Protein backbone atom coordinates (compact mmCIF):
# COMPACT_ATOMS: atom_id res chain seq x y z
CA MET A 1 4.22 -12.34 16.99
CA LYS A 2 6.38 -12.45 13.85
CA HIS A 3 3.31 -13.47 11.84
CA LEU A 4 1.28 -10.60 13.35
CA LYS A 5 4.03 -8.11 12.50
CA LEU A 6 4.11 -9.34 8.91
CA VAL A 7 0.32 -9.12 8.64
CA ILE A 8 0.17 -5.57 10.01
CA LEU A 9 2.95 -4.56 7.63
CA ALA A 10 1.11 -6.21 4.76
CA CYS A 11 -2.07 -4.34 5.70
CA LEU A 12 -0.19 -1.05 5.65
CA PHE A 13 1.14 -1.78 2.20
CA LEU A 14 -2.31 -2.78 1.07
CA SER A 15 -3.91 0.36 2.39
CA GLY A 16 -1.19 2.36 0.72
CA TYR A 17 -1.98 0.76 -2.62
CA THR A 18 -5.70 1.42 -2.50
CA PHE A 19 -5.58 5.04 -3.54
CA MET A 20 -4.00 6.48 -6.71
CA THR A 21 -6.06 9.30 -8.28
CA SER A 22 -6.21 12.14 -10.87
CA CYS A 23 -7.56 14.80 -13.16
CA LYS A 24 -9.95 16.86 -15.31
CA SER A 25 -11.63 15.90 -18.56
CA GLY A 26 -9.96 16.43 -21.90
CA SER A 27 -9.14 14.91 -25.29
CA ASN A 28 -5.96 13.16 -26.36
CA THR A 29 -4.51 16.52 -27.48
CA ASP A 30 -5.51 18.64 -24.47
CA ALA A 31 -3.20 19.21 -21.52
CA ILE A 32 -4.77 18.04 -18.28
CA ASP A 33 -4.03 18.89 -14.68
CA LEU A 34 -3.48 15.65 -12.78
CA LYS A 35 -4.54 16.12 -9.17
CA LEU A 36 -6.66 14.69 -6.41
CA ASN A 37 -10.22 15.62 -7.37
CA PHE A 38 -12.64 14.02 -4.91
CA LYS A 39 -15.59 16.16 -3.79
CA ALA A 40 -16.87 16.50 -0.24
CA GLY A 41 -19.39 13.72 0.32
CA ASP A 42 -17.84 11.32 -2.20
CA LYS A 43 -17.38 7.81 -0.81
CA TYR A 44 -15.64 4.92 -2.55
CA LEU A 45 -14.93 1.28 -1.78
CA TYR A 46 -11.44 0.33 -2.93
CA THR A 47 -10.41 -3.32 -3.20
CA THR A 48 -6.72 -4.18 -3.36
CA GLN A 49 -5.40 -7.66 -4.04
CA ILE A 50 -1.76 -8.77 -3.83
CA ASP A 51 -0.72 -12.17 -5.16
CA GLN A 52 2.85 -12.87 -4.13
CA THR A 53 5.33 -15.71 -4.55
CA ILE A 54 8.43 -15.71 -2.36
CA GLY A 55 11.27 -18.06 -3.28
CA ILE A 56 13.93 -18.55 -0.61
CA MET A 57 16.10 -21.12 1.18
CA GLN A 58 17.19 -23.76 -1.32
CA GLY A 59 14.14 -23.70 -3.53
CA LEU A 60 11.48 -23.35 -0.84
CA THR A 61 8.49 -21.28 -1.94
CA MET A 62 5.79 -19.40 -0.05
CA ASN A 63 2.65 -18.14 -1.78
CA GLN A 64 0.64 -15.29 -0.28
CA ASN A 65 -2.68 -13.79 -1.24
CA MET A 66 -3.86 -10.62 0.48
CA VAL A 67 -7.09 -8.73 -0.11
CA MET A 68 -8.17 -5.53 1.59
CA ASP A 69 -11.35 -3.51 1.21
CA MET A 70 -11.14 0.09 2.41
CA VAL A 71 -13.77 2.81 2.30
CA TYR A 72 -12.53 6.31 1.46
CA ASN A 73 -14.92 9.08 2.48
CA CYS A 74 -14.10 12.64 1.46
CA LYS A 75 -15.28 14.58 4.52
CA SER A 76 -14.33 18.07 3.37
CA ASP A 77 -12.54 20.14 0.74
CA ASN A 78 -10.69 23.13 2.15
CA ALA A 79 -9.14 25.15 -0.69
CA GLY A 80 -8.23 21.95 -2.50
CA VAL A 81 -6.98 20.08 0.57
CA LYS A 82 -9.09 16.95 0.92
CA SER A 83 -9.88 15.44 4.30
CA ILE A 84 -10.23 11.71 3.58
CA GLU A 85 -11.53 9.27 6.18
CA ALA A 86 -10.08 5.79 5.52
CA THR A 87 -11.97 2.86 7.09
CA TYR A 88 -10.85 -0.78 7.19
CA ASN A 89 -13.76 -2.81 5.77
CA HIS A 90 -12.44 -6.32 5.10
CA ILE A 91 -9.11 -8.16 5.31
CA LEU A 92 -8.34 -11.57 3.82
CA ILE A 93 -4.89 -13.18 4.05
CA SER A 94 -3.88 -16.67 2.97
CA MET A 95 -0.42 -18.23 2.97
CA THR A 96 0.87 -21.55 1.67
CA SER A 97 4.38 -22.80 2.48
CA PRO A 98 6.20 -26.10 3.11
CA MET A 99 5.09 -25.72 6.74
CA GLY A 100 1.42 -25.78 5.76
CA GLU A 101 -1.45 -23.42 5.02
CA MET A 102 -2.88 -20.49 6.93
CA LYS A 103 -5.94 -18.37 6.18
CA TYR A 104 -7.43 -15.36 7.94
CA ASP A 105 -10.72 -13.76 6.90
CA SER A 106 -12.19 -10.90 8.92
CA LYS A 107 -15.66 -12.00 7.75
CA ASP A 108 -15.27 -15.28 9.64
CA PRO A 109 -15.44 -14.46 13.38
CA LYS A 110 -15.13 -18.12 14.45
CA GLN A 111 -11.62 -18.69 13.22
CA ASP A 112 -8.45 -18.07 15.21
CA VAL A 113 -5.50 -18.98 13.02
CA MET A 114 -2.23 -18.55 14.91
CA GLY A 115 -3.84 -15.79 16.96
CA MET A 116 -4.42 -13.65 13.89
CA ASN A 117 -8.01 -12.83 14.78
CA ILE A 118 -6.46 -9.91 16.65
CA MET A 119 -6.66 -8.27 13.22
CA ASP A 120 -10.43 -8.09 13.79
CA SER A 121 -9.63 -5.00 15.85
CA LEU A 122 -8.91 -3.10 12.61
CA ILE A 123 -12.31 -3.73 11.00
CA GLY A 124 -14.56 -0.69 11.17
CA LYS A 125 -11.75 1.50 12.47
CA SER A 126 -10.86 4.74 10.68
CA PHE A 127 -8.10 7.28 10.40
CA VAL A 128 -8.16 10.62 8.59
CA MET A 129 -5.70 12.06 6.08
CA ASP A 130 -5.49 15.67 4.92
CA ILE A 131 -4.14 15.54 1.37
CA ALA A 132 -3.03 18.43 -0.84
CA PRO A 133 -3.93 18.54 -4.56
CA ASP A 134 -0.40 17.41 -5.49
CA GLY A 135 -0.74 14.28 -3.36
CA GLN A 136 1.24 15.47 -0.37
CA ILE A 137 -0.16 14.08 2.88
CA ILE A 138 -0.25 17.03 5.24
CA LYS A 139 -1.67 15.36 8.33
CA VAL A 140 -2.77 11.96 9.65
CA SER A 141 -5.04 11.64 12.70
CA GLY A 142 -7.03 8.99 14.54
CA LEU A 143 -4.33 6.33 14.81
CA ASP A 144 -4.11 6.32 18.62
CA ALA A 145 -7.66 5.01 18.90
CA ILE A 146 -6.86 2.17 16.49
CA VAL A 147 -3.77 1.16 18.47
CA ALA A 148 -5.73 1.26 21.74
CA SER A 149 -8.40 -1.02 20.26
CA PHE A 150 -5.93 -3.91 20.12
CA ASN A 151 -6.05 -3.97 23.95
CA MET A 152 -2.82 -5.89 24.55
CA VAL A 153 -2.05 -4.53 28.02
CA ASN A 154 -0.74 -7.95 29.06
CA ASN A 155 1.83 -7.89 26.28
CA PRO A 156 3.46 -4.45 26.28
CA ALA A 157 6.12 -5.48 23.76
CA ALA A 158 3.46 -6.52 21.26
CA GLN A 159 1.46 -3.36 21.96
CA GLN A 160 4.54 -1.22 21.31
CA ASN A 161 5.23 -3.10 18.09
CA ILE A 162 1.71 -2.40 16.86
CA LYS A 163 2.11 1.24 17.83
CA ASN A 164 5.31 1.41 15.80
CA GLN A 165 3.51 -0.01 12.76
CA LEU A 166 0.46 2.25 13.10
CA ASN A 167 2.00 5.61 13.86
CA ASP A 168 1.65 8.90 12.02
CA THR A 169 5.01 8.64 10.26
CA ALA A 170 4.52 5.04 9.09
CA ILE A 171 1.03 5.70 7.71
CA ARG A 172 2.10 8.99 6.14
CA MET A 173 5.04 7.34 4.35
CA MET A 174 2.98 4.36 3.23
CA MET A 175 0.16 6.47 1.83
CA GLN A 176 2.57 9.00 0.34
CA SER A 177 4.03 6.23 -1.82
CA SER A 178 0.61 5.86 -3.46
CA PHE A 179 -0.42 9.52 -3.67
CA ASP A 180 2.87 10.98 -4.88
CA MET A 181 2.24 10.40 -8.58
CA TYR A 182 1.07 13.82 -9.80
CA PRO A 183 3.43 15.79 -12.11
CA GLY A 184 2.70 19.19 -10.53
CA HIS A 185 1.97 20.70 -13.95
CA LYS A 186 -0.33 20.06 -16.89
CA VAL A 187 0.56 17.13 -19.14
CA LYS A 188 -0.51 15.83 -22.55
CA VAL A 189 -0.72 12.31 -23.90
CA GLY A 190 2.84 11.06 -24.36
CA ASP A 191 4.30 13.21 -21.57
CA THR A 192 6.33 11.51 -18.85
CA TRP A 193 7.40 12.60 -15.37
CA ASN A 194 9.54 11.15 -12.63
CA LYS A 195 8.97 10.75 -8.90
CA LYS A 196 11.45 9.59 -6.27
CA GLN A 197 10.23 8.18 -2.98
CA GLN A 198 11.93 6.97 0.16
CA MET A 199 10.15 5.35 3.05
CA THR A 200 11.21 3.42 6.13
CA VAL A 201 9.01 0.71 7.62
CA SER A 202 10.19 -1.38 10.59
CA GLY A 203 13.79 -0.51 9.83
CA ILE A 204 13.51 -1.49 6.15
CA ASN A 205 14.57 1.28 3.76
CA ILE A 206 12.62 1.16 0.51
CA GLY A 207 13.67 3.38 -2.37
CA MET A 208 11.43 3.87 -5.40
CA GLU A 209 12.21 5.73 -8.62
CA ASN A 210 8.99 5.95 -10.62
CA THR A 211 8.42 7.06 -14.20
CA TYR A 212 4.82 7.86 -15.15
CA SER A 213 3.42 8.42 -18.64
CA LEU A 214 0.00 9.61 -19.76
CA LYS A 215 -0.94 7.03 -22.40
CA SER A 216 -4.48 8.08 -23.37
CA VAL A 217 -7.51 10.22 -22.54
CA GLU A 218 -10.72 8.74 -23.92
CA ASN A 219 -14.41 8.48 -22.99
CA GLY A 220 -13.89 10.22 -19.69
CA LYS A 221 -11.00 7.97 -18.71
CA ALA A 222 -7.26 8.52 -18.45
CA THR A 223 -4.73 5.71 -18.67
CA LEU A 224 -1.26 5.97 -17.13
CA SER A 225 1.68 3.64 -17.34
CA VAL A 226 4.26 3.38 -14.57
CA THR A 227 7.70 1.78 -14.39
CA SER A 228 9.72 1.70 -11.18
CA ASP A 229 13.17 0.82 -9.91
CA LEU A 230 12.94 -0.59 -6.37
CA SER A 231 15.84 -0.87 -3.95
CA LEU A 232 16.23 -2.02 -0.36
CA PRO A 233 19.79 -1.20 0.79
CA LYS A 234 21.57 -3.67 3.05
CA THR A 235 19.59 -3.60 6.29
CA GLU A 236 19.84 -5.55 9.54
CA MET A 237 16.67 -6.60 11.35
CA GLY A 238 15.69 -8.66 14.37
CA ALA A 239 17.25 -9.34 17.75
CA ASP A 240 20.96 -10.12 18.13
CA SER A 241 20.29 -13.85 18.50
CA VAL A 242 18.35 -14.04 15.22
CA LYS A 243 19.79 -11.08 13.35
CA THR A 244 18.79 -11.03 9.68
CA GLN A 245 20.38 -8.98 6.92
CA MET A 246 18.53 -8.18 3.70
CA GLU A 247 19.53 -6.46 0.47
CA LEU A 248 17.07 -6.37 -2.44
CA ASN A 249 16.60 -4.70 -5.82
CA GLY A 250 13.84 -4.98 -8.37
CA LYS A 251 11.60 -3.62 -11.09
CA GLN A 252 7.91 -2.82 -11.27
CA GLU A 253 5.62 -1.88 -14.15
CA GLY A 254 1.92 -1.43 -14.62
CA THR A 255 -1.06 0.61 -15.75
CA ILE A 256 -3.64 2.75 -13.98
CA GLU A 257 -7.09 3.61 -15.41
CA LEU A 258 -8.78 6.66 -13.91
CA ASP A 259 -12.17 8.32 -14.07
CA ILE A 260 -11.21 11.81 -15.20
CA ALA A 261 -14.09 13.71 -13.62
CA THR A 262 -13.56 12.36 -10.09
CA GLY A 263 -10.05 10.95 -10.01
CA GLN A 264 -11.43 7.55 -9.00
CA VAL A 265 -9.17 4.60 -9.76
CA ILE A 266 -11.32 2.40 -11.98
CA SER A 267 -8.64 -0.26 -12.09
CA SER A 268 -4.90 -0.70 -11.86
CA LYS A 269 -2.43 -3.54 -12.12
CA THR A 270 1.29 -3.59 -11.38
CA ILE A 271 3.75 -6.47 -11.56
CA SER A 272 7.01 -6.44 -9.62
CA ASP A 273 10.04 -8.72 -9.52
CA ILE A 274 12.47 -8.26 -6.62
CA LYS A 275 15.68 -10.23 -6.10
CA GLY A 276 18.48 -10.17 -3.58
CA LYS A 277 20.08 -11.80 -0.55
CA MET A 278 18.82 -12.65 2.92
CA THR A 279 21.50 -13.60 5.44
CA MET A 280 20.74 -15.39 8.71
CA GLN A 281 23.52 -16.58 11.05
CA ASN A 282 26.13 -15.75 8.39
CA ALA A 283 24.38 -18.03 5.86
CA PRO A 284 23.30 -16.05 2.78
CA GLU A 285 20.33 -17.22 0.74
CA ASP A 286 18.98 -15.94 -2.55
CA ILE A 287 15.49 -14.48 -2.33
CA ASN A 288 13.04 -13.68 -5.13
CA ILE A 289 9.72 -11.92 -4.55
CA LYS A 290 7.25 -11.74 -7.44
CA SER A 291 4.05 -9.76 -6.90
CA THR A 292 0.94 -8.83 -8.85
CA ILE A 293 -1.04 -5.96 -7.33
CA SER A 294 -4.55 -5.19 -8.57
CA VAL A 295 -6.86 -2.36 -7.50
CA SER A 296 -10.52 -1.81 -8.34
CA SER A 297 -13.14 0.51 -6.89
CA LYS A 298 -16.77 1.51 -6.94
CA LYS A 299 -18.66 4.55 -5.70
CA GLN A 300 -20.96 3.95 -2.74
């Protein structure tokens, strides 16, 4: 069940990373209005890949690779508020650790690695987000049907855990961390703006202080840079018998290339380095998490 919880959490982070958009056309000297600019009927396939190395416990290392394909379908545009249907299309997760290897691929229905084929229940399922031009997520709907599709009536604790991971607040916070990048005013090349975010997932408090900069506007594309300070204040997790305490801090930087006319993310890449302490049974261990997150998309 711990593995399932980690996978669901990873999927939420992945889905949150699949959508960072913008703007109207202009030259390097024109001010542009960065905002969500999908049109009703637009549909895009976004692919997000996370390559992660986790170092912990006296030099032990775990490598993770996670890929998620999601389809974003703009169902309507109501005075600038976009109704976006997000559909899980494909999930691939592989892990390598001193305990061995594990791989899950939603395209392979024959496999059942550590019971993780329960994730098949996500494929083809959708939820809907109403998103304001400034990136604020106004409403999330359709999550109850996704939770019910897991059909774990014989394991109410597991069902409740899934419900906690896939509720309105969790999805809203996760997606907000990707959408909340717009300055709220027109900007020119060289301008910077700051965004602070705070989200809580499974009791873990994640603080992000982001600085964005418009680097260039050329050939219908806009390029942004982003640098972030990440912090996870000291937090206790788990049952009393296996209580774990974590405290982490880190940095992140990257670039985002956008299609100016539509706001489509053509590509993005961010690299993060997070360090801190994980304490189990009063035994602290250093932990280091290095991640590379890449996003690409195409119109369908």
